[in-house]
Amino acid sequence: MAAKADILVDQGTTFNTLLNLTNDAGQALDLTGSTVKAQIRKWYTSTTSIDFTAVIQSPSTNGIIELSLTANTTAAMSYGRYVYDVITTVTATGVVTRVVEGQLTVTPEVTQITGVTYGH
C-alpha cells in the first residue's frame, strides 16, 4: 500500500522535495535496478497530466527519490488542488509499485515574472 503524503507548491516557483521511502520494518527501501515515474493530475480521471522530474538518489539502497518541478511548470498550473502519485518499476521483473500518493495544492502567486505564462 502506498504511503500518503500531501504536497504544497507555490505557483511560479521552483519546487523540490525528497521522499525517504522505508519498508514496514522502517529500513530504507532498496531501489536498486528500479526506475521511478511521478505525475500530477487535476482529477484521478483527467486525461492530461504534468510529469514531475523524478530521480532515484544515489546510492539507490537509501530509498530516496527526488521530485522537482521548474518555475515555468508551476507558473503554468492553475492554483488549487490536484492529485499525484509516484510509482517504481523493477526493471528486471517489470513489477510496478505505487510508493507514494496524495494531494498536491498549488498556492496562488502574487509577484509575476515577465515572460512567464501563468495558469489561473
Protein backbone atom coordinates (compact mmCIF):
# COMPACT_ATOMS: atom_id res chain seq x y z
CA MET A 1 0.00 0.00 0.00
CA ALA A 2 1.29 3.45 -0.92
CA ALA A 3 2.33 5.96 1.72
CA LYS A 4 0.16 9.09 1.91
CA ALA A 5 1.86 12.49 1.65
CA ASP A 6 0.31 15.82 0.77
CA ILE A 7 2.43 18.42 -1.03
CA LEU A 8 2.21 22.22 -1.10
CA VAL A 9 3.63 24.02 -4.17
CA ASP A 10 3.95 27.79 -4.58
CA GLN A 11 2.83 28.82 -8.07
CA GLY A 12 5.63 30.27 -10.20
CA THR A 13 8.48 28.88 -8.09
CA THR A 14 10.93 26.02 -8.43
CA PHE A 15 9.79 23.00 -6.39
CA ASN A 16 11.99 20.22 -4.98
CA THR A 17 11.34 17.60 -2.33
CA LEU A 18 12.96 14.38 -1.18
CA LEU A 19 10.91 11.29 -0.40
CA ASN A 20 12.56 8.93 2.11
CA LEU A 21 10.98 5.54 1.45
CA THR A 22 11.07 2.79 4.06
CA ASN A 23 9.67 -0.73 4.32
CA ASP A 24 7.35 -1.97 7.08
CA ALA A 25 10.36 -2.58 9.35
CA GLY A 26 11.45 1.07 8.98
CA GLN A 27 14.50 0.24 6.86
CA ALA A 28 15.35 2.22 3.72
CA LEU A 29 13.65 0.77 0.64
CA ASP A 30 16.23 -0.65 -1.77
CA LEU A 31 15.53 0.87 -5.20
CA THR A 32 18.47 -0.81 -6.96
CA GLY A 33 17.51 -1.76 -10.52
CA SER A 34 14.33 0.35 -10.41
CA THR A 35 13.02 3.34 -12.32
CA VAL A 36 10.65 5.98 -11.00
CA LYS A 37 7.82 8.00 -12.52
CA ALA A 38 5.51 10.57 -10.90
CA GLN A 39 2.57 12.50 -12.32
CA ILE A 40 0.13 15.19 -11.24
CA ARG A 41 -3.48 15.38 -12.48
CA LYS A 42 -6.32 17.73 -11.67
CA TRP A 43 -8.57 14.72 -11.01
CA TYR A 44 -7.87 11.00 -10.99
CA THR A 45 -9.78 10.68 -14.28
CA SER A 46 -8.07 13.59 -16.07
CA THR A 47 -6.58 12.73 -19.45
CA THR A 48 -3.88 15.40 -19.15
CA SER A 49 -1.03 15.20 -16.67
CA ILE A 50 2.08 17.03 -15.53
CA ASP A 51 5.22 14.97 -15.02
CA PHE A 52 7.48 15.55 -12.07
CA THR A 53 11.16 15.21 -12.75
CA ALA A 54 11.65 12.11 -10.59
CA VAL A 55 15.10 10.74 -9.78
CA ILE A 56 16.28 7.91 -7.54
CA GLN A 57 19.13 9.36 -5.47
CA SER A 58 22.47 7.58 -5.21
CA PRO A 59 23.07 5.17 -3.60
CA SER A 60 19.79 3.57 -4.57
CA THR A 61 19.85 1.45 -1.40
CA ASN A 62 18.99 4.59 0.65
CA GLY A 63 15.38 4.67 -0.65
CA ILE A 64 15.44 8.37 -1.54
CA ILE A 65 13.52 9.79 -4.51
CA GLU A 66 13.77 13.47 -5.52
CA LEU A 67 10.74 15.13 -7.11
CA SER A 68 11.04 18.51 -8.80
CA LEU A 69 9.13 20.98 -10.97
CA THR A 70 10.50 24.03 -12.76
CA ALA A 71 9.24 27.54 -12.04
CA ASN A 72 7.74 27.65 -15.56
CA THR A 73 5.84 24.43 -14.89
CA THR A 74 4.38 25.62 -11.58
CA ALA A 75 3.57 29.02 -13.13
CA ALA A 76 1.50 27.30 -15.83
CA MET A 77 -0.51 25.34 -13.24
CA SER A 78 -3.79 26.83 -12.08
CA TYR A 79 -3.90 27.30 -8.34
CA GLY A 80 -5.92 24.78 -6.42
CA ARG A 81 -5.93 21.11 -5.57
CA TYR A 82 -4.53 18.23 -7.65
CA VAL A 83 -3.74 14.56 -7.05
CA TYR A 84 -0.40 12.85 -7.65
CA ASP A 85 1.36 9.55 -7.21
CA VAL A 86 4.83 8.07 -7.51
CA ILE A 87 5.47 4.62 -8.95
CA THR A 88 8.58 2.49 -9.14
CA THR A 89 9.25 -0.25 -11.68
CA VAL A 90 11.78 -3.03 -11.09
CA THR A 91 13.49 -3.25 -14.48
CA ALA A 92 14.35 -6.97 -14.31
CA THR A 93 10.86 -8.18 -13.34
CA GLY A 94 8.54 -5.42 -14.51
CA VAL A 95 6.93 -5.22 -11.06
CA VAL A 96 5.24 -1.82 -10.65
CA THR A 97 4.56 -0.42 -7.17
CA ARG A 98 2.80 2.79 -6.16
CA VAL A 99 5.03 4.01 -3.32
CA VAL A 100 3.51 7.43 -2.53
CA GLU A 101 0.23 9.18 -3.30
CA GLY A 102 -1.64 12.23 -2.12
CA GLN A 103 -2.98 15.66 -2.82
CA LEU A 104 -0.91 18.49 -4.21
CA THR A 105 -2.07 22.04 -3.59
CA VAL A 106 -0.79 24.94 -5.68
CA THR A 107 -0.97 28.25 -3.82
CA PRO A 108 -1.58 31.35 -5.99
CA GLU A 109 1.25 33.68 -6.85
CA VAL A 110 1.20 37.45 -6.41
CA THR A 111 4.57 38.50 -7.86
CA GLN A 112 4.83 37.54 -11.53
CA ILE A 113 7.94 37.22 -13.68
CA THR A 114 7.97 38.86 -17.12
CA GLY A 115 7.88 36.30 -19.94
CA VAL A 116 6.30 33.50 -17.89
CA THR A 117 2.81 32.25 -18.76
CA TYR A 118 0.62 31.81 -15.68
CA GLY A 119 -2.31 29.42 -15.30
CA HIS A 120 -5.25 30.88 -13.39
